[in-house]
Amino acid sequence: MKAYILNEPGDTTQLQIKEIAIPEIAGDEVLIRVKAISINPVDSKTRQGKGIYGRLKEESQLILGWDVAGIVEKAGAEVKDFKEGDEVFGMVNFPGHGKAYAEYVAAPASHLALKPQHISFEEAAAATLALLTAYQVLKKAKVQSSQKVLVHAAAGGVGHFAVQLAKHWGTYVIGTGSEKNHDFIVGLGVDEFIDYHGDQLDTIVGHVDFAFDTVGAENIIRSLPLVKRGGTLISIPTGLNDEQKQKATELGVDAYFYLVESSGEDMKEIAELLSQGIVKAHVSKVLPFEQMAEAHQAIDSGRTVGKIIVSL
């Protein structure tokens, strides 16, 4: 089978397509014939030697990627929920070695769910790491109706899912983004749009119950004063440094970093939300497997709306 091997950290030229053996599966795994792969910022960061590269650098053949949608080719002897021919999707082995940039992936059955029939493989792949992150973070923050939720970069992969989920759960949602994405973000259902290039964030100082930081770095310091005393801020791109932790303590805000984890149970909940049309994946670009470098370059731009997908 064809797979992309990361030779060493660096630019997209380090992603080399090679012919390797189809993986063997354990008793609790299924072999997926991959139809679509979702590309995430963590893929790009890991390619560059950041992200979770430190966890994977000792692998003899480092294959990036965690988000897949495809067809079960073979099921292990212990697998009860899936059989040959089933269409499945999920985030595989995150934050471990997912090996998703390949024509076939060996995946733990416990990380997967059946793909809703009415959505495409591309849409299913899009609704994996990003939607799972939004789902787990909002659950972790115990977001509930009547609260005010701030979602940064609301047009992005995680952001556009977070807005939809928060609205479904009955919250008042404030979404930030660039003015060029105003209509898209408003179309997601936000109650209030804020252009992050301006000073409009000052108008919500101390008003937000939960701030979802999908940008990281200085955006954490900028966001902490917006949260009510006793409220919560969760960041997903970066951990909090000492200055940010001290500022959070001073303001009485519970602030921390969260890293998504693979979960078939959560994926089943997500499949139901997709089946009912409560949440929809916005796929902005689909590229063929041979153009993986271009998919990474699109992510590297930091200007993607929704999700970038590679199809096979």
C-alpha atoms as a PDB file:
ATOM      1  CA  MET A   1       0.000   0.000   0.000  1.00  0.00           C
ATOM      2  CA  LYS A   2       1.004   3.645  -0.377  1.00  0.00           C
ATOM      3  CA  ALA A   3       1.729   5.684   2.738  1.00  0.00           C
ATOM      4  CA  TYR A   4       3.422   8.968   3.601  1.00  0.00           C
ATOM      5  CA  ILE A   5       6.548   8.567   5.725  1.00  0.00           C
ATOM      6  CA  LEU A   6       7.951  11.569   7.618  1.00  0.00           C
ATOM      7  CA  ASN A   7      11.700  11.320   7.059  1.00  0.00           C
ATOM      8  CA  GLU A   8      12.595  13.998   9.581  1.00  0.00           C
ATOM      9  CA  PRO A   9      10.969  17.175  10.952  1.00  0.00           C
ATOM     10  CA  GLY A  10      10.721  20.013   8.471  1.00  0.00           C
ATOM     11  CA  ASP A  11       8.713  21.388   5.570  1.00  0.00           C
ATOM     12  CA  THR A  12       6.293  19.453   3.384  1.00  0.00           C
ATOM     13  CA  THR A  13       9.107  17.935   1.300  1.00  0.00           C
ATOM     14  CA  GLN A  14       9.785  15.667   4.296  1.00  0.00           C
ATOM     15  CA  LEU A  15       6.494  13.856   3.586  1.00  0.00           C
ATOM     16  CA  GLN A  16       7.572  11.098   1.224  1.00  0.00           C
ATOM     17  CA  ILE A  17       5.082   8.701  -0.344  1.00  0.00           C
ATOM     18  CA  LYS A  18       6.318   5.100  -0.259  1.00  0.00           C
ATOM     19  CA  GLU A  19       5.089   1.579  -0.865  1.00  0.00           C
ATOM     20  CA  ILE A  20       4.924  -0.381   2.416  1.00  0.00           C
ATOM     21  CA  ALA A  21       3.165  -3.511   3.682  1.00  0.00           C
ATOM     22  CA  ILE A  22      -0.515  -3.428   4.625  1.00  0.00           C
ATOM     23  CA  PRO A  23      -0.609  -3.490   8.453  1.00  0.00           C
ATOM     24  CA  GLU A  24      -1.563  -6.598  10.391  1.00  0.00           C
ATOM     25  CA  ILE A  25      -4.402  -6.163  12.889  1.00  0.00           C
ATOM     26  CA  ALA A  26      -4.691  -7.259  16.510  1.00  0.00           C
ATOM     27  CA  GLY A  27      -7.769  -9.043  17.833  1.00  0.00           C
ATOM     28  CA  ASP A  28      -9.375  -5.784  18.979  1.00  0.00           C
ATOM     29  CA  GLU A  29      -8.651  -3.874  15.773  1.00  0.00           C
ATOM     30  CA  VAL A  30     -10.154  -3.467  12.325  1.00  0.00           C
ATOM     31  CA  LEU A  31      -8.377  -2.880   9.024  1.00  0.00           C
ATOM     32  CA  ILE A  32      -9.815   0.183   7.307  1.00  0.00           C
ATOM     33  CA  ARG A  33      -9.557   0.809   3.582  1.00  0.00           C
ATOM     34  CA  VAL A  34      -9.247   4.568   3.818  1.00  0.00           C
ATOM     35  CA  LYS A  35     -11.505   6.800   1.720  1.00  0.00           C
ATOM     36  CA  ALA A  36     -10.825  10.187   3.325  1.00  0.00           C
ATOM     37  CA  ILE A  37      -8.349  11.752   5.755  1.00  0.00           C
ATOM     38  CA  SER A  38      -8.772  14.988   7.689  1.00  0.00           C
ATOM     39  CA  ILE A  39      -5.746  17.284   8.050  1.00  0.00           C
ATOM     40  CA  ASN A  40      -5.350  19.240  11.299  1.00  0.00           C
ATOM     41  CA  PRO A  41      -2.993  21.898  12.689  1.00  0.00           C
ATOM     42  CA  VAL A  42      -1.480  19.233  14.972  1.00  0.00           C
ATOM     43  CA  ASP A  43      -0.499  17.287  11.840  1.00  0.00           C
ATOM     44  CA  SER A  44       1.460  20.281  10.573  1.00  0.00           C
ATOM     45  CA  LYS A  45       3.020  21.050  13.946  1.00  0.00           C
ATOM     46  CA  THR A  46       4.103  17.436  14.357  1.00  0.00           C
ATOM     47  CA  ARG A  47       5.563  17.451  10.842  1.00  0.00           C
ATOM     48  CA  GLN A  48       7.659  20.435  11.898  1.00  0.00           C
ATOM     49  CA  GLY A  49       8.952  18.675  15.013  1.00  0.00           C
ATOM     50  CA  LYS A  50       6.480  20.288  17.401  1.00  0.00           C
ATOM     51  CA  GLY A  51       2.980  19.091  18.304  1.00  0.00           C
ATOM     52  CA  ILE A  52       3.361  15.518  19.512  1.00  0.00           C
ATOM     53  CA  TYR A  53       6.530  14.763  17.556  1.00  0.00           C
ATOM     54  CA  GLY A  54       8.374  14.060  20.808  1.00  0.00           C
ATOM     55  CA  ARG A  55       6.075  11.106  21.474  1.00  0.00           C
ATOM     56  CA  LEU A  56       6.645   9.616  18.015  1.00  0.00           C
ATOM     57  CA  LYS A  57      10.220  10.446  17.041  1.00  0.00           C
ATOM     58  CA  GLU A  58      11.534   6.986  17.900  1.00  0.00           C
ATOM     59  CA  GLU A  59       9.161   5.252  15.453  1.00  0.00           C
ATOM     60  CA  SER A  60      11.062   3.489  12.663  1.00  0.00           C
ATOM     61  CA  GLN A  61       8.454   4.566  10.109  1.00  0.00           C
ATOM     62  CA  LEU A  62       6.663   7.668  11.307  1.00  0.00           C
ATOM     63  CA  ILE A  63       3.311   8.005   9.540  1.00  0.00           C
ATOM     64  CA  LEU A  64       1.352  11.131  10.438  1.00  0.00           C
ATOM     65  CA  GLY A  65      -2.413  11.481  10.689  1.00  0.00           C
ATOM     66  CA  TRP A  66      -5.210  10.393  12.992  1.00  0.00           C
ATOM     67  CA  ASP A  67      -8.525  11.191  11.267  1.00  0.00           C
ATOM     68  CA  VAL A  68      -9.958   8.595   8.920  1.00  0.00           C
ATOM     69  CA  ALA A  69     -13.181   7.548   7.272  1.00  0.00           C
ATOM     70  CA  GLY A  70     -13.377   4.381   5.257  1.00  0.00           C
ATOM     71  CA  ILE A  71     -14.593   0.812   4.853  1.00  0.00           C
ATOM     72  CA  VAL A  72     -13.805  -2.099   7.148  1.00  0.00           C
ATOM     73  CA  GLU A  73     -11.730  -4.591   5.156  1.00  0.00           C
ATOM     74  CA  LYS A  74     -11.228  -7.025   8.017  1.00  0.00           C
ATOM     75  CA  ALA A  75     -12.239  -7.258  11.689  1.00  0.00           C
ATOM     76  CA  GLY A  76     -10.232  -8.847  14.497  1.00  0.00           C
ATOM     77  CA  ALA A  77     -11.556 -11.883  16.353  1.00  0.00           C
ATOM     78  CA  GLU A  78     -12.505  -9.825  19.432  1.00  0.00           C
ATOM     79  CA  VAL A  79     -14.395  -7.113  17.527  1.00  0.00           C
ATOM     80  CA  LYS A  80     -18.161  -7.221  18.047  1.00  0.00           C
ATOM     81  CA  ASP A  81     -19.376  -3.826  16.806  1.00  0.00           C
ATOM     82  CA  PHE A  82     -18.016  -3.832  13.247  1.00  0.00           C
ATOM     83  CA  LYS A  83     -17.810  -6.253  10.351  1.00  0.00           C
ATOM     84  CA  GLU A  84     -16.369  -6.363   6.857  1.00  0.00           C
ATOM     85  CA  GLY A  85     -18.016  -3.785   4.612  1.00  0.00           C
ATOM     86  CA  ASP A  86     -19.070  -1.388   7.400  1.00  0.00           C
ATOM     87  CA  GLU A  87     -18.439   2.303   6.738  1.00  0.00           C
ATOM     88  CA  VAL A  88     -16.690   3.786   9.772  1.00  0.00           C
ATOM     89  CA  PHE A  89     -14.947   6.954  10.936  1.00  0.00           C
ATOM     90  CA  GLY A  90     -12.898   8.063  13.894  1.00  0.00           C
ATOM     91  CA  MET A  91      -9.779   9.619  15.368  1.00  0.00           C
ATOM     92  CA  VAL A  92      -7.313   6.759  15.707  1.00  0.00           C
ATOM     93  CA  ASN A  93      -4.761   6.342  18.519  1.00  0.00           C
ATOM     94  CA  PHE A  94      -4.481  10.019  19.403  1.00  0.00           C
ATOM     95  CA  PRO A  95      -2.205  11.176  20.961  1.00  0.00           C
ATOM     96  CA  GLY A  96      -0.208   8.117  19.894  1.00  0.00           C
ATOM     97  CA  HIS A  97       0.808   6.834  16.479  1.00  0.00           C
ATOM     98  CA  GLY A  98      -2.303   6.971  14.286  1.00  0.00           C
ATOM     99  CA  LYS A  99      -0.636   6.148  10.946  1.00  0.00           C
ATOM    100  CA  ALA A 100      -3.583   7.586   9.022  1.00  0.00           C
ATOM    101  CA  TYR A 101      -1.698   8.889   5.961  1.00  0.00           C
ATOM    102  CA  ALA A 102      -2.037   5.544   4.220  1.00  0.00           C
ATOM    103  CA  GLU A 103      -4.336   3.506   2.002  1.00  0.00           C
ATOM    104  CA  TYR A 104      -5.020   1.097   4.875  1.00  0.00           C
ATOM    105  CA  VAL A 105      -5.083   1.777   8.621  1.00  0.00           C
ATOM    106  CA  ALA A 106      -5.171  -0.663  11.537  1.00  0.00           C
ATOM    107  CA  ALA A 107      -7.507   0.975  14.072  1.00  0.00           C
ATOM    108  CA  PRO A 108      -8.731  -0.041  17.524  1.00  0.00           C
ATOM    109  CA  ALA A 109     -12.451  -0.774  17.216  1.00  0.00           C
ATOM    110  CA  SER A 110     -12.916   1.209  20.438  1.00  0.00           C
ATOM    111  CA  HIS A 111     -11.921   4.415  18.611  1.00  0.00           C
ATOM    112  CA  LEU A 112     -14.514   4.193  15.843  1.00  0.00           C
ATOM    113  CA  ALA A 113     -18.188   4.667  15.070  1.00  0.00           C
ATOM    114  CA  LEU A 114     -20.373   3.778  12.111  1.00  0.00           C
ATOM    115  CA  LYS A 115     -20.507   6.551   9.536  1.00  0.00           C
ATOM    116  CA  PRO A 116     -23.975   8.080   9.162  1.00  0.00           C
ATOM    117  CA  GLN A 117     -25.296   6.953   5.790  1.00  0.00           C
ATOM    118  CA  HIS A 118     -26.375  10.367   4.545  1.00  0.00           C
ATOM    119  CA  ILE A 119     -22.957  12.031   4.854  1.00  0.00           C
ATOM    120  CA  SER A 120     -19.943  11.552   2.616  1.00  0.00           C
ATOM    121  CA  PHE A 121     -16.626   9.996   3.629  1.00  0.00           C
ATOM    122  CA  GLU A 122     -15.110  13.476   3.317  1.00  0.00           C
ATOM    123  CA  GLU A 123     -17.646  14.977   5.727  1.00  0.00           C
ATOM    124  CA  ALA A 124     -17.180  12.061   8.114  1.00  0.00           C
ATOM    125  CA  ALA A 125     -13.399  12.436   8.152  1.00  0.00           C
ATOM    126  CA  ALA A 126     -13.854  16.150   8.835  1.00  0.00           C
ATOM    127  CA  ALA A 127     -15.951  15.345  11.911  1.00  0.00           C
ATOM    128  CA  THR A 128     -13.264  13.488  13.836  1.00  0.00           C
ATOM    129  CA  LEU A 129     -10.423  15.216  15.741  1.00  0.00           C
ATOM    130  CA  ALA A 130     -11.893  18.710  15.370  1.00  0.00           C
ATOM    131  CA  LEU A 131     -15.446  17.797  16.351  1.00  0.00           C
ATOM    132  CA  LEU A 132     -14.246  15.402  19.036  1.00  0.00           C
ATOM    133  CA  THR A 133     -12.118  18.208  20.496  1.00  0.00           C
ATOM    134  CA  ALA A 134     -15.039  20.629  20.567  1.00  0.00           C
ATOM    135  CA  TYR A 135     -17.301  17.968  22.094  1.00  0.00           C
ATOM    136  CA  GLN A 136     -14.865  16.928  24.811  1.00  0.00           C
ATOM    137  CA  VAL A 137     -13.868  20.491  25.712  1.00  0.00           C
ATOM    138  CA  LEU A 138     -17.455  21.733  26.052  1.00  0.00           C
ATOM    139  CA  LYS A 139     -18.280  18.675  28.158  1.00  0.00           C
ATOM    140  CA  LYS A 140     -15.165  19.261  30.292  1.00  0.00           C
ATOM    141  CA  ALA A 141     -16.176  22.880  30.844  1.00  0.00           C
ATOM    142  CA  LYS A 142     -19.686  21.723  31.839  1.00  0.00           C
ATOM    143  CA  VAL A 143     -21.233  24.188  29.415  1.00  0.00           C
ATOM    144  CA  GLN A 144     -24.969  24.504  29.911  1.00  0.00           C
ATOM    145  CA  SER A 145     -27.932  26.550  28.753  1.00  0.00           C
ATOM    146  CA  SER A 146     -28.171  30.190  29.894  1.00  0.00           C
ATOM    147  CA  GLN A 147     -24.369  30.538  29.886  1.00  0.00           C
ATOM    148  CA  LYS A 148     -22.334  32.813  27.642  1.00  0.00           C
ATOM    149  CA  VAL A 149     -19.667  31.029  25.613  1.00  0.00           C
ATOM    150  CA  LEU A 150     -16.842  32.691  23.675  1.00  0.00           C
ATOM    151  CA  VAL A 151     -15.399  30.687  20.767  1.00  0.00           C
ATOM    152  CA  HIS A 152     -12.200  32.046  19.254  1.00  0.00           C
ATOM    153  CA  ALA A 153     -11.470  31.477  15.554  1.00  0.00           C
ATOM    154  CA  ALA A 154     -15.079  30.420  15.083  1.00  0.00           C
ATOM    155  CA  ALA A 155     -14.587  29.781  11.358  1.00  0.00           C
ATOM    156  CA  GLY A 156     -11.820  27.242  11.950  1.00  0.00           C
ATOM    157  CA  GLY A 157     -11.955  23.465  12.154  1.00  0.00           C
ATOM    158  CA  VAL A 158     -12.602  23.183  15.888  1.00  0.00           C
ATOM    159  CA  GLY A 159     -14.289  26.571  16.146  1.00  0.00           C
ATOM    160  CA  HIS A 160     -17.076  25.967  13.637  1.00  0.00           C
ATOM    161  CA  PHE A 161     -18.005  22.745  15.432  1.00  0.00           C
ATOM    162  CA  ALA A 162     -17.829  24.366  18.878  1.00  0.00           C
ATOM    163  CA  VAL A 163     -20.297  27.064  17.820  1.00  0.00           C
ATOM    164  CA  GLN A 164     -22.814  24.494  16.578  1.00  0.00           C
ATOM    165  CA  LEU A 165     -22.538  22.331  19.694  1.00  0.00           C
ATOM    166  CA  ALA A 166     -22.768  25.272  22.095  1.00  0.00           C
ATOM    167  CA  LYS A 167     -25.878  26.558  20.320  1.00  0.00           C
ATOM    168  CA  HIS A 168     -27.413  23.083  20.423  1.00  0.00           C
ATOM    169  CA  TRP A 169     -26.848  23.049  24.173  1.00  0.00           C
ATOM    170  CA  GLY A 170     -28.711  26.329  24.542  1.00  0.00           C
ATOM    171  CA  THR A 171     -25.912  28.797  25.240  1.00  0.00           C
ATOM    172  CA  TYR A 172     -25.413  32.374  24.077  1.00  0.00           C
ATOM    173  CA  VAL A 173     -22.458  32.141  21.689  1.00  0.00           C
ATOM    174  CA  ILE A 174     -19.975  34.871  20.855  1.00  0.00           C
ATOM    175  CA  GLY A 175     -17.682  33.986  17.964  1.00  0.00           C
ATOM    176  CA  THR A 176     -14.510  35.766  16.911  1.00  0.00           C
ATOM    177  CA  GLY A 177     -13.020  35.819  13.439  1.00  0.00           C
ATOM    178  CA  SER A 178     -11.871  38.075  10.626  1.00  0.00           C
ATOM    179  CA  GLU A 179     -14.398  40.290   8.904  1.00  0.00           C
ATOM    180  CA  LYS A 180     -14.104  38.251   5.689  1.00  0.00           C
ATOM    181  CA  ASN A 181     -15.546  35.267   7.593  1.00  0.00           C
ATOM    182  CA  HIS A 182     -18.393  37.272   9.152  1.00  0.00           C
ATOM    183  CA  ASP A 183     -21.175  35.746   7.069  1.00  0.00           C
ATOM    184  CA  PHE A 184     -19.907  32.189   7.543  1.00  0.00           C
ATOM    185  CA  ILE A 185     -19.677  32.573  11.323  1.00  0.00           C
ATOM    186  CA  VAL A 186     -23.074  34.232  11.585  1.00  0.00           C
ATOM    187  CA  GLY A 187     -24.471  31.417   9.450  1.00  0.00           C
ATOM    188  CA  LEU A 188     -23.279  28.933  12.059  1.00  0.00           C
ATOM    189  CA  GLY A 189     -25.713  30.522  14.507  1.00  0.00           C
ATOM    190  CA  VAL A 190     -23.600  32.795  16.721  1.00  0.00           C
ATOM    191  CA  ASP A 191     -25.525  35.345  18.742  1.00  0.00           C
ATOM    192  CA  GLU A 192     -22.715  37.844  18.440  1.00  0.00           C
ATOM    193  CA  PHE A 193     -19.772  38.226  16.051  1.00  0.00           C
ATOM    194  CA  ILE A 194     -16.558  39.992  17.037  1.00  0.00           C
ATOM    195  CA  ASP A 195     -13.801  40.928  14.613  1.00  0.00           C
ATOM    196  CA  TYR A 196     -10.655  39.962  16.496  1.00  0.00           C
ATOM    197  CA  HIS A 197      -8.647  42.624  14.640  1.00  0.00           C
ATOM    198  CA  GLY A 198     -10.531  45.394  16.442  1.00  0.00           C
ATOM    199  CA  ASP A 199     -11.110  46.311  20.080  1.00  0.00           C
ATOM    200  CA  GLN A 200     -14.631  44.885  20.357  1.00  0.00           C
ATOM    201  CA  LEU A 201     -13.489  42.206  22.814  1.00  0.00           C
ATOM    202  CA  ASP A 202     -13.326  44.965  25.450  1.00  0.00           C
ATOM    203  CA  THR A 203     -17.130  45.143  25.364  1.00  0.00           C
ATOM    204  CA  ILE A 204     -17.457  41.667  26.902  1.00  0.00           C
ATOM    205  CA  VAL A 205     -14.911  41.987  29.722  1.00  0.00           C
ATOM    206  CA  GLY A 206     -16.107  39.885  32.647  1.00  0.00           C
ATOM    207  CA  HIS A 207     -19.234  38.672  30.837  1.00  0.00           C
ATOM    208  CA  VAL A 208     -18.294  35.204  29.592  1.00  0.00           C
ATOM    209  CA  ASP A 209     -18.865  31.982  31.521  1.00  0.00           C
ATOM    210  CA  PHE A 210     -16.543  29.984  29.289  1.00  0.00           C
ATOM    211  CA  ALA A 211     -13.852  31.000  26.806  1.00  0.00           C
ATOM    212  CA  PHE A 212     -12.679  28.420  24.275  1.00  0.00           C
ATOM    213  CA  ASP A 213      -9.207  29.399  23.089  1.00  0.00           C
ATOM    214  CA  THR A 214      -8.308  27.745  19.793  1.00  0.00           C
ATOM    215  CA  VAL A 215      -5.506  30.229  19.008  1.00  0.00           C
ATOM    216  CA  GLY A 216      -3.075  29.983  21.946  1.00  0.00           C
ATOM    217  CA  ALA A 217      -0.080  32.096  22.973  1.00  0.00           C
ATOM    218  CA  GLU A 218      -0.960  35.762  23.606  1.00  0.00           C
ATOM    219  CA  ASN A 219      -4.624  35.109  22.941  1.00  0.00           C
ATOM    220  CA  ILE A 220      -4.836  33.435  26.357  1.00  0.00           C
ATOM    221  CA  ILE A 221      -3.796  36.632  28.187  1.00  0.00           C
ATOM    222  CA  ARG A 222      -6.160  38.632  25.999  1.00  0.00           C
ATOM    223  CA  SER A 223      -9.062  36.312  26.805  1.00  0.00           C
ATOM    224  CA  LEU A 224      -8.700  35.841  30.570  1.00  0.00           C
ATOM    225  CA  PRO A 225     -10.228  39.249  31.517  1.00  0.00           C
ATOM    226  CA  LEU A 226     -13.293  38.424  29.413  1.00  0.00           C
ATOM    227  CA  VAL A 227     -14.240  35.535  31.698  1.00  0.00           C
ATOM    228  CA  LYS A 228     -16.367  35.990  34.820  1.00  0.00           C
ATOM    229  CA  ARG A 229     -14.804  35.257  38.192  1.00  0.00           C
ATOM    230  CA  GLY A 230     -15.478  31.561  38.735  1.00  0.00           C
ATOM    231  CA  GLY A 231     -15.644  30.944  34.983  1.00  0.00           C
ATOM    232  CA  THR A 232     -13.452  28.742  32.828  1.00  0.00           C
ATOM    233  CA  LEU A 233     -10.956  29.131  29.987  1.00  0.00           C
ATOM    234  CA  ILE A 234      -9.654  26.107  28.106  1.00  0.00           C
ATOM    235  CA  SER A 235      -6.857  26.374  25.548  1.00  0.00           C
ATOM    236  CA  ILE A 236      -6.128  23.627  23.027  1.00  0.00           C
ATOM    237  CA  PRO A 237      -3.100  24.825  20.984  1.00  0.00           C
ATOM    238  CA  THR A 238      -0.732  25.569  23.869  1.00  0.00           C
ATOM    239  CA  GLY A 239      -0.319  25.056  27.588  1.00  0.00           C
ATOM    240  CA  LEU A 240      -0.419  28.020  29.965  1.00  0.00           C
ATOM    241  CA  ASN A 241       2.870  29.645  30.991  1.00  0.00           C
ATOM    242  CA  ASP A 242       3.558  31.010  34.483  1.00  0.00           C
ATOM    243  CA  GLU A 243       2.394  34.528  33.601  1.00  0.00           C
ATOM    244  CA  GLN A 244      -0.915  33.215  32.228  1.00  0.00           C
ATOM    245  CA  LYS A 245      -1.468  30.964  35.236  1.00  0.00           C
ATOM    246  CA  GLN A 246      -0.823  33.858  37.628  1.00  0.00           C
ATOM    247  CA  LYS A 247      -3.202  36.130  35.702  1.00  0.00           C
ATOM    248  CA  ALA A 248      -5.902  33.433  35.803  1.00  0.00           C
ATOM    249  CA  THR A 249      -5.480  33.077  39.576  1.00  0.00           C
ATOM    250  CA  GLU A 250      -5.732  36.836  40.072  1.00  0.00           C
ATOM    251  CA  LEU A 251      -8.948  36.952  38.032  1.00  0.00           C
ATOM    252  CA  GLY A 252     -10.456  33.871  39.675  1.00  0.00           C
ATOM    253  CA  VAL A 253     -10.635  31.990  36.372  1.00  0.00           C
ATOM    254  CA  ASP A 254     -10.126  28.239  36.084  1.00  0.00           C
ATOM    255  CA  ALA A 255      -7.774  28.098  33.091  1.00  0.00           C
ATOM    256  CA  TYR A 256      -5.971  25.110  31.636  1.00  0.00           C
ATOM    257  CA  PHE A 257      -4.835  23.202  28.557  1.00  0.00           C
ATOM    258  CA  TYR A 258      -6.809  20.245  27.194  1.00  0.00           C
ATOM    259  CA  LEU A 259      -5.678  17.529  24.811  1.00  0.00           C
ATOM    260  CA  VAL A 260      -8.311  15.497  22.990  1.00  0.00           C
ATOM    261  CA  GLU A 261      -8.269  11.705  23.326  1.00  0.00           C
ATOM    262  CA  SER A 262      -9.600   8.953  21.078  1.00  0.00           C
ATOM    263  CA  SER A 263     -13.001   7.667  22.203  1.00  0.00           C
ATOM    264  CA  GLY A 264     -15.391   5.422  20.323  1.00  0.00           C
ATOM    265  CA  GLU A 265     -18.154   6.231  22.795  1.00  0.00           C
ATOM    266  CA  ASP A 266     -17.838   9.941  22.068  1.00  0.00           C
ATOM    267  CA  MET A 267     -17.657   9.191  18.335  1.00  0.00           C
ATOM    268  CA  LYS A 268     -20.980   7.373  18.591  1.00  0.00           C
ATOM    269  CA  GLU A 269     -22.506  10.490  20.187  1.00  0.00           C
ATOM    270  CA  ILE A 270     -21.018  12.563  17.391  1.00  0.00           C
ATOM    271  CA  ALA A 271     -22.417  10.172  14.771  1.00  0.00           C
ATOM    272  CA  GLU A 272     -25.867  10.707  16.246  1.00  0.00           C
ATOM    273  CA  LEU A 273     -25.480  14.498  16.145  1.00  0.00           C
ATOM    274  CA  LEU A 274     -24.423  14.259  12.501  1.00  0.00           C
ATOM    275  CA  SER A 275     -27.280  11.876  11.691  1.00  0.00           C
ATOM    276  CA  GLN A 276     -29.812  14.316  13.086  1.00  0.00           C
ATOM    277  CA  GLY A 277     -28.287  17.273  11.245  1.00  0.00           C
ATOM    278  CA  ILE A 278     -27.590  19.052  14.530  1.00  0.00           C
ATOM    279  CA  VAL A 279     -23.926  19.442  13.583  1.00  0.00           C
ATOM    280  CA  LYS A 280     -22.571  19.720  10.045  1.00  0.00           C
ATOM    281  CA  ALA A 281     -18.979  19.592   8.844  1.00  0.00           C
ATOM    282  CA  HIS A 282     -17.883  22.381   6.529  1.00  0.00           C
ATOM    283  CA  VAL A 283     -15.343  20.998   4.064  1.00  0.00           C
ATOM    284  CA  SER A 284     -13.600  23.895   2.368  1.00  0.00           C
ATOM    285  CA  LYS A 285     -11.194  21.905   0.217  1.00  0.00           C
ATOM    286  CA  VAL A 286     -10.739  18.285  -0.915  1.00  0.00           C
ATOM    287  CA  LEU A 287      -7.402  17.244  -2.362  1.00  0.00           C
ATOM    288  CA  PRO A 288      -6.248  13.885  -3.773  1.00  0.00           C
ATOM    289  CA  PHE A 289      -3.855  11.708  -1.749  1.00  0.00           C
ATOM    290  CA  GLU A 290      -0.980  12.674  -4.043  1.00  0.00           C
ATOM    291  CA  GLN A 291      -1.370  16.321  -2.966  1.00  0.00           C
ATOM    292  CA  MET A 292      -0.757  15.841   0.773  1.00  0.00           C
ATOM    293  CA  ALA A 293       1.894  18.574   0.690  1.00  0.00           C
ATOM    294  CA  GLU A 294      -0.659  21.082  -0.626  1.00  0.00           C
ATOM    295  CA  ALA A 295      -3.073  20.075   2.152  1.00  0.00           C
ATOM    296  CA  HIS A 296      -0.389  20.808   4.738  1.00  0.00           C
ATOM    297  CA  GLN A 297       0.442  24.114   3.096  1.00  0.00           C
ATOM    298  CA  ALA A 298      -3.219  25.126   3.328  1.00  0.00           C
ATOM    299  CA  ILE A 299      -3.181  24.332   7.055  1.00  0.00           C
ATOM    300  CA  ASP A 300       0.121  26.175   7.472  1.00  0.00           C
ATOM    301  CA  SER A 301      -1.522  29.350   6.133  1.00  0.00           C
ATOM    302  CA  GLY A 302      -3.653  29.590   9.278  1.00  0.00           C
ATOM    303  CA  ARG A 303      -6.526  30.910   7.183  1.00  0.00           C
ATOM    304  CA  THR A 304      -8.592  27.808   6.508  1.00  0.00           C
ATOM    305  CA  VAL A 305     -12.336  27.886   6.956  1.00  0.00           C
ATOM    306  CA  GLY A 306     -13.767  24.614   8.227  1.00  0.00           C
ATOM    307  CA  LYS A 307     -11.770  21.536   7.243  1.00  0.00           C
ATOM    308  CA  ILE A 308      -9.167  20.415   4.688  1.00  0.00           C
ATOM    309  CA  ILE A 309      -9.669  16.827   3.470  1.00  0.00           C
ATOM    310  CA  VAL A 310      -7.517  14.417   1.482  1.00  0.00           C
ATOM    311  CA  SER A 311      -9.435  11.760  -0.449  1.00  0.00           C
ATOM    312  CA  LEU A 312      -8.370   8.362  -1.721  1.00  0.00           C
END
